PDB file of all heavy atoms in Angstrom:
ATOM      1  N   LYS A   1     -42.935 -90.261 136.313  1.00  0.00           N
ATOM      2  CA  LYS A   1     -43.363 -89.347 135.251  1.00  0.00           C
ATOM      3  C   LYS A   1     -43.846 -90.098 134.025  1.00  0.00           C
ATOM      4  O   LYS A   1     -44.890 -89.756 133.439  1.00  0.00           O
ATOM      5  CB  LYS A   1     -42.209 -88.412 134.876  1.00  0.00           C
ATOM      6  CG  LYS A   1     -42.597 -87.361 133.851  1.00  0.00           C
ATOM      7  CD  LYS A   1     -41.430 -86.424 133.550  1.00  0.00           C
ATOM      8  CE  LYS A   1     -41.829 -85.390 132.499  1.00  0.00           C
ATOM      9  NZ  LYS A   1     -40.708 -84.468 132.188  1.00  0.00           N
ATOM     10  N   TYR A   2     -43.101 -91.148 133.597  1.00  0.00           N
ATOM     11  CA  TYR A   2     -43.489 -91.847 132.377  1.00  0.00           C
ATOM     12  C   TYR A   2     -44.786 -92.636 132.592  1.00  0.00           C
ATOM     13  O   TYR A   2     -45.588 -92.803 131.658  1.00  0.00           O
ATOM     14  CB  TYR A   2     -42.359 -92.754 131.879  1.00  0.00           C
ATOM     15  CG  TYR A   2     -42.378 -94.168 132.364  1.00  0.00           C
ATOM     16  CD1 TYR A   2     -42.929 -95.191 131.591  1.00  0.00           C
ATOM     17  CD2 TYR A   2     -41.844 -94.516 133.606  1.00  0.00           C
ATOM     18  CE1 TYR A   2     -42.956 -96.497 132.023  1.00  0.00           C
ATOM     19  CE2 TYR A   2     -41.863 -95.823 134.050  1.00  0.00           C
ATOM     20  CZ  TYR A   2     -42.415 -96.809 133.263  1.00  0.00           C
ATOM     21  OH  TYR A   2     -42.442 -98.101 133.699  1.00  0.00           O
ATOM     22  N   GLN A   3     -45.034 -93.101 133.840  1.00  0.00           N
ATOM     23  CA  GLN A   3     -46.286 -93.808 134.123  1.00  0.00           C
ATOM     24  C   GLN A   3     -47.466 -92.842 134.101  1.00  0.00           C
ATOM     25  O   GLN A   3     -48.548 -93.176 133.608  1.00  0.00           O
ATOM     26  CB  GLN A   3     -46.188 -94.508 135.480  1.00  0.00           C
ATOM     27  CG  GLN A   3     -45.264 -95.722 135.463  1.00  0.00           C
ATOM     28  CD  GLN A   3     -45.083 -96.330 136.833  1.00  0.00           C
ATOM     29  OE1 GLN A   3     -45.046 -95.626 137.851  1.00  0.00           O
ATOM     30  NE2 GLN A   3     -44.960 -97.644 136.892  1.00  0.00           N
ATOM     31  N   LYS A   4     -47.261 -91.631 134.624  1.00  0.00           N
ATOM     32  CA  LYS A   4     -48.312 -90.610 134.561  1.00  0.00           C
ATOM     33  C   LYS A   4     -48.643 -90.277 133.114  1.00  0.00           C
ATOM     34  O   LYS A   4     -49.809 -90.093 132.747  1.00  0.00           O
ATOM     35  CB  LYS A   4     -47.864 -89.353 135.301  1.00  0.00           C
ATOM     36  CG  LYS A   4     -47.824 -89.486 136.812  1.00  0.00           C
ATOM     37  CD  LYS A   4     -47.377 -88.185 137.460  1.00  0.00           C
ATOM     38  CE  LYS A   4     -47.326 -88.309 138.974  1.00  0.00           C
ATOM     39  NZ  LYS A   4     -46.869 -87.051 139.621  1.00  0.00           N
ATOM     40  N   THR A   5     -47.605 -90.202 132.288  1.00  0.00           N
ATOM     41  CA  THR A   5     -47.808 -89.906 130.864  1.00  0.00           C
ATOM     42  C   THR A   5     -48.657 -90.980 130.211  1.00  0.00           C
ATOM     43  O   THR A   5     -49.538 -90.689 129.393  1.00  0.00           O
ATOM     44  CB  THR A   5     -46.450 -89.786 130.148  1.00  0.00           C
ATOM     45  OG1 THR A   5     -45.688 -88.744 130.752  1.00  0.00           O
ATOM     46  CG2 THR A   5     -46.641 -89.485 128.670  1.00  0.00           C
ATOM     47  N   ARG A   6     -48.404 -92.244 130.583  1.00  0.00           N
ATOM     48  CA  ARG A   6     -49.185 -93.341 130.017  1.00  0.00           C
ATOM     49  C   ARG A   6     -50.650 -93.235 130.420  1.00  0.00           C
ATOM     50  O   ARG A   6     -51.556 -93.495 129.612  1.00  0.00           O
ATOM     51  CB  ARG A   6     -48.602 -94.691 130.469  1.00  0.00           C
ATOM     52  CG  ARG A   6     -47.340 -95.076 129.714  1.00  0.00           C
ATOM     53  CD  ARG A   6     -46.865 -96.448 130.136  1.00  0.00           C
ATOM     54  NE  ARG A   6     -45.797 -96.922 129.244  1.00  0.00           N
ATOM     55  CZ  ARG A   6     -45.212 -98.101 129.361  1.00  0.00           C
ATOM     56  NH1 ARG A   6     -45.555 -98.927 130.332  1.00  0.00           N
ATOM     57  NH2 ARG A   6     -44.262 -98.462 128.512  1.00  0.00           N
ATOM     58  N   VAL A   7     -50.902 -92.876 131.673  1.00  0.00           N
ATOM     59  CA  VAL A   7     -52.281 -92.726 132.140  1.00  0.00           C
ATOM     60  C   VAL A   7     -52.969 -91.586 131.393  1.00  0.00           C
ATOM     61  O   VAL A   7     -54.113 -91.716 130.936  1.00  0.00           O
ATOM     62  CB  VAL A   7     -52.318 -92.470 133.664  1.00  0.00           C
ATOM     63  CG1 VAL A   7     -53.742 -92.144 134.107  1.00  0.00           C
ATOM     64  CG2 VAL A   7     -51.794 -93.682 134.423  1.00  0.00           C
ATOM     65  N   GLU A   8     -52.267 -90.459 131.251  1.00  0.00           N
ATOM     66  CA  GLU A   8     -52.837 -89.301 130.550  1.00  0.00           C
ATOM     67  C   GLU A   8     -53.090 -89.624 129.082  1.00  0.00           C
ATOM     68  O   GLU A   8     -54.100 -89.202 128.499  1.00  0.00           O
ATOM     69  CB  GLU A   8     -51.898 -88.104 130.691  1.00  0.00           C
ATOM     70  CG  GLU A   8     -51.823 -87.557 132.115  1.00  0.00           C
ATOM     71  CD  GLU A   8     -50.621 -86.667 132.343  1.00  0.00           C
ATOM     72  OE1 GLU A   8     -49.869 -86.424 131.366  1.00  0.00           O
ATOM     73  OE2 GLU A   8     -50.424 -86.230 133.488  1.00  0.00           O
ATOM     74  N   THR A   9     -52.185 -90.383 128.492  1.00  0.00           N
ATOM     75  CA  THR A   9     -52.353 -90.793 127.093  1.00  0.00           C
ATOM     76  C   THR A   9     -53.559 -91.710 126.952  1.00  0.00           C
ATOM     77  O   THR A   9     -54.310 -91.627 125.979  1.00  0.00           O
ATOM     78  CB  THR A   9     -51.089 -91.512 126.590  1.00  0.00           C
ATOM     79  OG1 THR A   9     -49.979 -90.618 126.679  1.00  0.00           O
ATOM     80  CG2 THR A   9     -51.252 -91.984 125.155  1.00  0.00           C
ATOM     81  N   PHE A  10     -53.735 -92.592 127.926  1.00  0.00           N
ATOM     82  CA  PHE A  10     -54.889 -93.500 127.919  1.00  0.00           C
ATOM     83  C   PHE A  10     -56.196 -92.721 127.972  1.00  0.00           C
ATOM     84  O   PHE A  10     -57.141 -93.005 127.226  1.00  0.00           O
ATOM     85  CB  PHE A  10     -54.791 -94.452 129.111  1.00  0.00           C
ATOM     86  CG  PHE A  10     -56.081 -95.128 129.463  1.00  0.00           C
ATOM     87  CD1 PHE A  10     -56.690 -95.994 128.574  1.00  0.00           C
ATOM     88  CD2 PHE A  10     -56.678 -94.896 130.698  1.00  0.00           C
ATOM     89  CE1 PHE A  10     -57.884 -96.628 128.896  1.00  0.00           C
ATOM     90  CE2 PHE A  10     -57.866 -95.518 131.030  1.00  0.00           C
ATOM     91  CZ  PHE A  10     -58.478 -96.383 130.128  1.00  0.00           C
ATOM     92  N   LEU A  11     -56.258 -91.709 128.823  1.00  0.00           N
ATOM     93  CA  LEU A  11     -57.484 -90.942 128.986  1.00  0.00           C
ATOM     94  C   LEU A  11     -57.762 -90.028 127.798  1.00  0.00           C
ATOM     95  O   LEU A  11     -58.907 -89.875 127.387  1.00  0.00           O
ATOM     96  CB  LEU A  11     -57.410 -90.114 130.281  1.00  0.00           C
ATOM     97  CG  LEU A  11     -57.368 -90.934 131.583  1.00  0.00           C
ATOM     98  CD1 LEU A  11     -57.148 -90.022 132.775  1.00  0.00           C
ATOM     99  CD2 LEU A  11     -58.656 -91.741 131.755  1.00  0.00           C
ATOM    100  N   ARG A  12     -56.685 -89.447 127.240  1.00  0.00           N
ATOM    101  CA  ARG A  12     -56.876 -88.513 126.118  1.00  0.00           C
ATOM    102  C   ARG A  12     -55.757 -88.679 125.086  1.00  0.00           C
ATOM    103  O   ARG A  12     -54.878 -87.821 124.964  1.00  0.00           O
ATOM    104  CB  ARG A  12     -56.909 -87.070 126.638  1.00  0.00           C
ATOM    105  CG  ARG A  12     -58.093 -86.760 127.544  1.00  0.00           C
ATOM    106  CD  ARG A  12     -58.077 -85.287 127.955  1.00  0.00           C
ATOM    107  NE  ARG A  12     -58.228 -84.403 126.799  1.00  0.00           N
ATOM    108  CZ  ARG A  12     -58.078 -83.078 126.862  1.00  0.00           C
ATOM    109  NH1 ARG A  12     -57.764 -82.497 128.005  1.00  0.00           N
ATOM    110  NH2 ARG A  12     -58.230 -82.349 125.778  1.00  0.00           N
ATOM    111  N   PRO A  13     -55.774 -89.785 124.330  1.00  0.00           N
ATOM    112  CA  PRO A  13     -54.701 -90.003 123.339  1.00  0.00           C
ATOM    113  C   PRO A  13     -54.672 -88.946 122.243  1.00  0.00           C
ATOM    114  O   PRO A  13     -53.627 -88.649 121.683  1.00  0.00           O
ATOM    115  CB  PRO A  13     -55.027 -91.391 122.763  1.00  0.00           C
ATOM    116  CG  PRO A  13     -56.469 -91.604 123.060  1.00  0.00           C
ATOM    117  CD  PRO A  13     -56.740 -90.885 124.343  1.00  0.00           C
ATOM    118  N   GLU A  14     -55.849 -88.388 121.947  1.00  0.00           N
ATOM    119  CA  GLU A  14     -55.922 -87.375 120.885  1.00  0.00           C
ATOM    120  C   GLU A  14     -55.241 -86.064 121.285  1.00  0.00           C
ATOM    121  O   GLU A  14     -54.950 -85.218 120.428  1.00  0.00           O
ATOM    122  CB  GLU A  14     -57.386 -87.103 120.517  1.00  0.00           C
ATOM    123  CG  GLU A  14     -58.202 -86.373 121.570  1.00  0.00           C
ATOM    124  CD  GLU A  14     -58.676 -87.261 122.720  1.00  0.00           C
ATOM    125  OE1 GLU A  14     -58.454 -88.490 122.642  1.00  0.00           O
ATOM    126  OE2 GLU A  14     -59.249 -86.717 123.674  1.00  0.00           O
ATOM    127  N   LYS A  15     -54.980 -85.890 122.580  1.00  0.00           N
ATOM    128  CA  LYS A  15     -54.335 -84.673 123.063  1.00  0.00           C
ATOM    129  C   LYS A  15     -52.928 -84.523 122.489  1.00  0.00           C
ATOM    130  O   LYS A  15     -52.440 -83.411 122.292  1.00  0.00           O
ATOM    131  CB  LYS A  15     -54.293 -84.690 124.595  1.00  0.00           C
ATOM    132  CG  LYS A  15     -53.737 -83.420 125.220  1.00  0.00           C
ATOM    133  CD  LYS A  15     -53.754 -83.527 126.739  1.00  0.00           C
ATOM    134  CE  LYS A  15     -53.143 -82.290 127.374  1.00  0.00           C
ATOM    135  NZ  LYS A  15     -53.133 -82.370 128.857  1.00  0.00           N
ATOM    136  N   ASP A  16     -52.286 -85.661 122.232  1.00  0.00           N
ATOM    137  CA  ASP A  16     -50.919 -85.622 121.699  1.00  0.00           C
ATOM    138  C   ASP A  16     -50.759 -86.762 120.698  1.00  0.00           C
ATOM    139  O   ASP A  16     -49.989 -87.698 120.920  1.00  0.00           O
ATOM    140  CB  ASP A  16     -49.910 -85.730 122.846  1.00  0.00           C
ATOM    141  CG  ASP A  16     -48.468 -85.504 122.386  1.00  0.00           C
ATOM    142  OD1 ASP A  16     -48.290 -85.032 121.245  1.00  0.00           O
ATOM    143  OD2 ASP A  16     -47.527 -85.803 123.150  1.00  0.00           O
ATOM    144  N   GLU A  17     -51.507 -86.682 119.608  1.00  0.00           N
ATOM    145  CA  GLU A  17     -51.542 -87.776 118.628  1.00  0.00           C
ATOM    146  C   GLU A  17     -50.178 -88.078 118.027  1.00  0.00           C
ATOM    147  O   GLU A  17     -49.880 -89.221 117.692  1.00  0.00           O
ATOM    148  CB  GLU A  17     -52.521 -87.441 117.498  1.00  0.00           C
ATOM    149  CG  GLU A  17     -53.973 -87.559 117.897  1.00  0.00           C
ATOM    150  CD  GLU A  17     -54.904 -87.371 116.722  1.00  0.00           C
ATOM    151  OE1 GLU A  17     -54.403 -86.992 115.649  1.00  0.00           O
ATOM    152  OE2 GLU A  17     -56.112 -87.598 116.862  1.00  0.00           O
ATOM    153  N   LYS A  18     -49.353 -87.063 117.869  1.00  0.00           N
ATOM    154  CA  LYS A  18     -48.047 -87.263 117.243  1.00  0.00           C
ATOM    155  C   LYS A  18     -46.934 -87.463 118.260  1.00  0.00           C
ATOM    156  O   LYS A  18     -45.773 -87.597 117.888  1.00  0.00           O
ATOM    157  CB  LYS A  18     -47.726 -86.073 116.335  1.00  0.00           C
ATOM    158  CG  LYS A  18     -48.685 -85.955 115.154  1.00  0.00           C
ATOM    159  CD  LYS A  18     -48.294 -84.833 114.208  1.00  0.00           C
ATOM    160  CE  LYS A  18     -49.247 -84.765 113.025  1.00  0.00           C
ATOM    161  NZ  LYS A  18     -48.894 -83.667 112.086  1.00  0.00           N
ATOM    162  N   GLY A  19     -47.313 -87.492 119.535  1.00  0.00           N
ATOM    163  CA  GLY A  19     -46.319 -87.703 120.590  1.00  0.00           C
ATOM    164  C   GLY A  19     -46.668 -88.928 121.407  1.00  0.00           C
ATOM    165  O   GLY A  19     -46.653 -90.050 120.905  1.00  0.00           O
ATOM    166  N   THR A  20     -47.042 -88.698 122.675  1.00  0.00           N
ATOM    167  CA  THR A  20     -47.313 -89.820 123.581  1.00  0.00           C
ATOM    168  C   THR A  20     -48.540 -90.628 123.192  1.00  0.00           C
ATOM    169  O   THR A  20     -48.681 -91.785 123.591  1.00  0.00           O
ATOM    170  CB  THR A  20     -47.475 -89.302 125.021  1.00  0.00           C
ATOM    171  OG1 THR A  20     -48.525 -88.301 125.041  1.00  0.00           O
ATOM    172  CG2 THR A  20     -46.180 -88.688 125.538  1.00  0.00           C
ATOM    173  N   GLY A  21     -49.457 -90.008 122.430  1.00  0.00           N
ATOM    174  CA  GLY A  21     -50.662 -90.729 122.013  1.00  0.00           C
ATOM    175  C   GLY A  21     -50.515 -91.474 120.702  1.00  0.00           C
ATOM    176  O   GLY A  21     -51.478 -92.096 120.231  1.00  0.00           O
ATOM    177  N   TRP A  22     -49.317 -91.439 120.108  1.00  0.00           N
ATOM    178  CA  TRP A  22     -49.098 -92.029 118.792  1.00  0.00           C
ATOM    179  C   TRP A  22     -49.362 -93.540 118.776  1.00  0.00           C
ATOM    180  O   TRP A  22     -50.045 -94.047 117.879  1.00  0.00           O
ATOM    181  CB  TRP A  22     -47.667 -91.747 118.339  1.00  0.00           C
ATOM    182  CG  TRP A  22     -47.295 -92.330 117.008  1.00  0.00           C
ATOM    183  CD1 TRP A  22     -46.622 -93.489 116.777  1.00  0.00           C
ATOM    184  CD2 TRP A  22     -47.596 -91.783 115.716  1.00  0.00           C
ATOM    185  NE1 TRP A  22     -46.460 -93.715 115.436  1.00  0.00           N
ATOM    186  CE2 TRP A  22     -47.055 -92.661 114.747  1.00  0.00           C
ATOM    187  CE3 TRP A  22     -48.263 -90.635 115.283  1.00  0.00           C
ATOM    188  CZ2 TRP A  22     -47.159 -92.431 113.395  1.00  0.00           C
ATOM    189  CZ3 TRP A  22     -48.363 -90.399 113.918  1.00  0.00           C
ATOM    190  CH2 TRP A  22     -47.823 -91.298 112.996  1.00  0.00           C
ATOM    191  N   HIS A  23     -48.827 -94.262 119.774  1.00  0.00           N
ATOM    192  CA  HIS A  23     -48.964 -95.715 119.804  1.00  0.00           C
ATOM    193  C   HIS A  23     -50.437 -96.132 119.769  1.00  0.00           C
ATOM    194  O   HIS A  23     -50.849 -96.950 118.931  1.00  0.00           O
ATOM    195  CB  HIS A  23     -48.313 -96.288 121.062  1.00  0.00           C
ATOM    196  CG  HIS A  23     -46.825 -96.184 121.092  1.00  0.00           C
ATOM    197  ND1 HIS A  23     -46.175 -94.978 121.125  1.00  0.00           N
ATOM    198  CD2 HIS A  23     -45.864 -97.146 121.110  1.00  0.00           C
ATOM    199  CE1 HIS A  23     -44.865 -95.193 121.149  1.00  0.00           C
ATOM    200  NE2 HIS A  23     -44.653 -96.499 121.143  1.00  0.00           N
ATOM    201  N   VAL A  24     -51.202 -95.578 120.708  1.00  0.00           N
ATOM    202  CA  VAL A  24     -52.609 -95.976 120.826  1.00  0.00           C
ATOM    203  C   VAL A  24     -53.402 -95.555 119.600  1.00  0.00           C
ATOM    204  O   VAL A  24     -54.227 -96.324 119.077  1.00  0.00           O
ATOM    205  CB  VAL A  24     -53.230 -95.358 122.099  1.00  0.00           C
ATOM    206  CG1 VAL A  24     -54.721 -95.692 122.171  1.00  0.00           C
ATOM    207  CG2 VAL A  24     -52.523 -95.876 123.336  1.00  0.00           C
ATOM    208  N   THR A  25     -53.149 -94.352 119.099  1.00  0.00           N
ATOM    209  CA  THR A  25     -53.865 -93.856 117.915  1.00  0.00           C
ATOM    210  C   THR A  25     -53.622 -94.756 116.717  1.00  0.00           C
ATOM    211  O   THR A  25     -54.567 -95.159 116.010  1.00  0.00           O
ATOM    212  CB  THR A  25     -53.429 -92.414 117.582  1.00  0.00           C
ATOM    213  OG1 THR A  25     -53.694 -91.571 118.704  1.00  0.00           O
ATOM    214  CG2 THR A  25     -54.177 -91.892 116.370  1.00  0.00           C
ATOM    215  N   GLN A  26     -52.364 -95.089 116.466  1.00  0.00           N
ATOM    216  CA  GLN A  26     -52.028 -95.941 115.325  1.00  0.00           C
ATOM    217  C   GLN A  26     -52.548 -97.364 115.507  1.00  0.00           C
ATOM    218  O   GLN A  26     -52.948 -98.020 114.543  1.00  0.00           O
ATOM    219  CB  GLN A  26     -50.512 -95.954 115.097  1.00  0.00           C
ATOM    220  CG  GLN A  26     -49.932 -94.609 114.693  1.00  0.00           C
ATOM    221  CD  GLN A  26     -50.578 -94.049 113.447  1.00  0.00           C
ATOM    222  OE1 GLN A  26     -50.801 -94.762 112.473  1.00  0.00           O
ATOM    223  NE2 GLN A  26     -50.898 -92.756 113.472  1.00  0.00           N
ATOM    224  N   SER A  27     -52.556 -97.838 116.765  1.00  0.00           N
ATOM    225  CA  SER A  27     -53.086 -99.166 117.037  1.00  0.00           C
ATOM    226  C   SER A  27     -54.578 -99.227 116.732  1.00  0.00           C
ATOM    227  O   SER A  27     -55.057-100.183 116.109  1.00  0.00           O
ATOM    228  CB  SER A  27     -52.835 -99.537 118.506  1.00  0.00           C
ATOM    229  OG  SER A  27     -53.391-100.799 118.806  1.00  0.00           O
ATOM    230  N   LYS A  28     -55.311 -98.209 117.137  1.00  0.00           N
ATOM    231  CA  LYS A  28     -56.746 -98.164 116.850  1.00  0.00           C
ATOM    232  C   LYS A  28     -57.002 -98.112 115.347  1.00  0.00           C
ATOM    233  O   LYS A  28     -57.938 -98.759 114.837  1.00  0.00           O
ATOM    234  CB  LYS A  28     -57.371 -96.935 117.518  1.00  0.00           C
ATOM    235  CG  LYS A  28     -57.520 -97.041 119.023  1.00  0.00           C
ATOM    236  CD  LYS A  28     -58.187 -95.775 119.560  1.00  0.00           C
ATOM    237  CE  LYS A  28     -58.427 -95.843 121.043  1.00  0.00           C
ATOM    238  NZ  LYS A  28     -59.071 -94.610 121.554  1.00  0.00           N
ATOM    239  N   ILE A  29     -56.185 -97.359 114.634  1.00  0.00           N
ATOM    240  CA  ILE A  29     -56.323 -97.295 113.169  1.00  0.00           C
ATOM    241  C   ILE A  29     -56.102 -98.681 112.566  1.00  0.00           C
ATOM    242  O   ILE A  29     -56.839 -99.115 111.670  1.00  0.00           O
ATOM    243  CB  ILE A  29     -55.321 -96.278 112.573  1.00  0.00           C
ATOM    244  CG1 ILE A  29     -55.709 -94.853 112.980  1.00  0.00           C
ATOM    245  CG2 ILE A  29     -55.260 -96.403 111.054  1.00  0.00           C
ATOM    246  CD1 ILE A  29     -54.678 -93.802 112.614  1.00  0.00           C
ATOM    247  N   SER A  30     -55.089 -99.396 113.066  1.00  0.00           N
ATOM    248  CA  SER A  30     -54.793-100.750 112.560  1.00  0.00           C
ATOM    249  C   SER A  30     -55.971-101.682 112.770  1.00  0.00           C
ATOM    250  O   SER A  30     -56.390-102.402 111.855  1.00  0.00           O
ATOM    251  CB  SER A  30     -53.561-101.324 113.266  1.00  0.00           C
ATOM    252  OG  SER A  30     -52.408-100.593 112.964  1.00  0.00           O
ATOM    253  N   VAL A  31     -56.497-101.668 113.991  1.00  0.00           N
ATOM    254  CA  VAL A  31     -57.614-102.564 114.319  1.00  0.00           C
ATOM    255  C   VAL A  31     -58.834-102.221 113.468  1.00  0.00           C
ATOM    256  O   VAL A  31     -59.486-103.103 112.893  1.00  0.00           O
ATOM    257  CB  VAL A  31     -57.956-102.478 115.821  1.00  0.00           C
ATOM    258  CG1 VAL A  31     -59.218-103.287 116.129  1.00  0.00           C
ATOM    259  CG2 VAL A  31     -56.786-102.979 116.670  1.00  0.00           C
ATOM    260  N   GLY A  32     -59.131-100.929 113.360  1.00  0.00           N
ATOM    261  CA  GLY A  32     -60.298-100.512 112.585  1.00  0.00           C
ATOM    262  C   GLY A  32     -60.163-100.753 111.097  1.00  0.00           C
ATOM    263  O   GLY A  32     -61.141-101.065 110.411  1.00  0.00           O
TER     264      GLY A  32
END
C-alpha cells in the first residue's frame, strides 16, 4: 500500500499537497 501511494504521489503530487505529496512539493519549492 505505501509503495502504491509513493507511485501515485509521483504521478500527481498536487492531488494531496498537504499529505502524501508534501515531500515532493516542498522539495520542488526548495530547488526552485
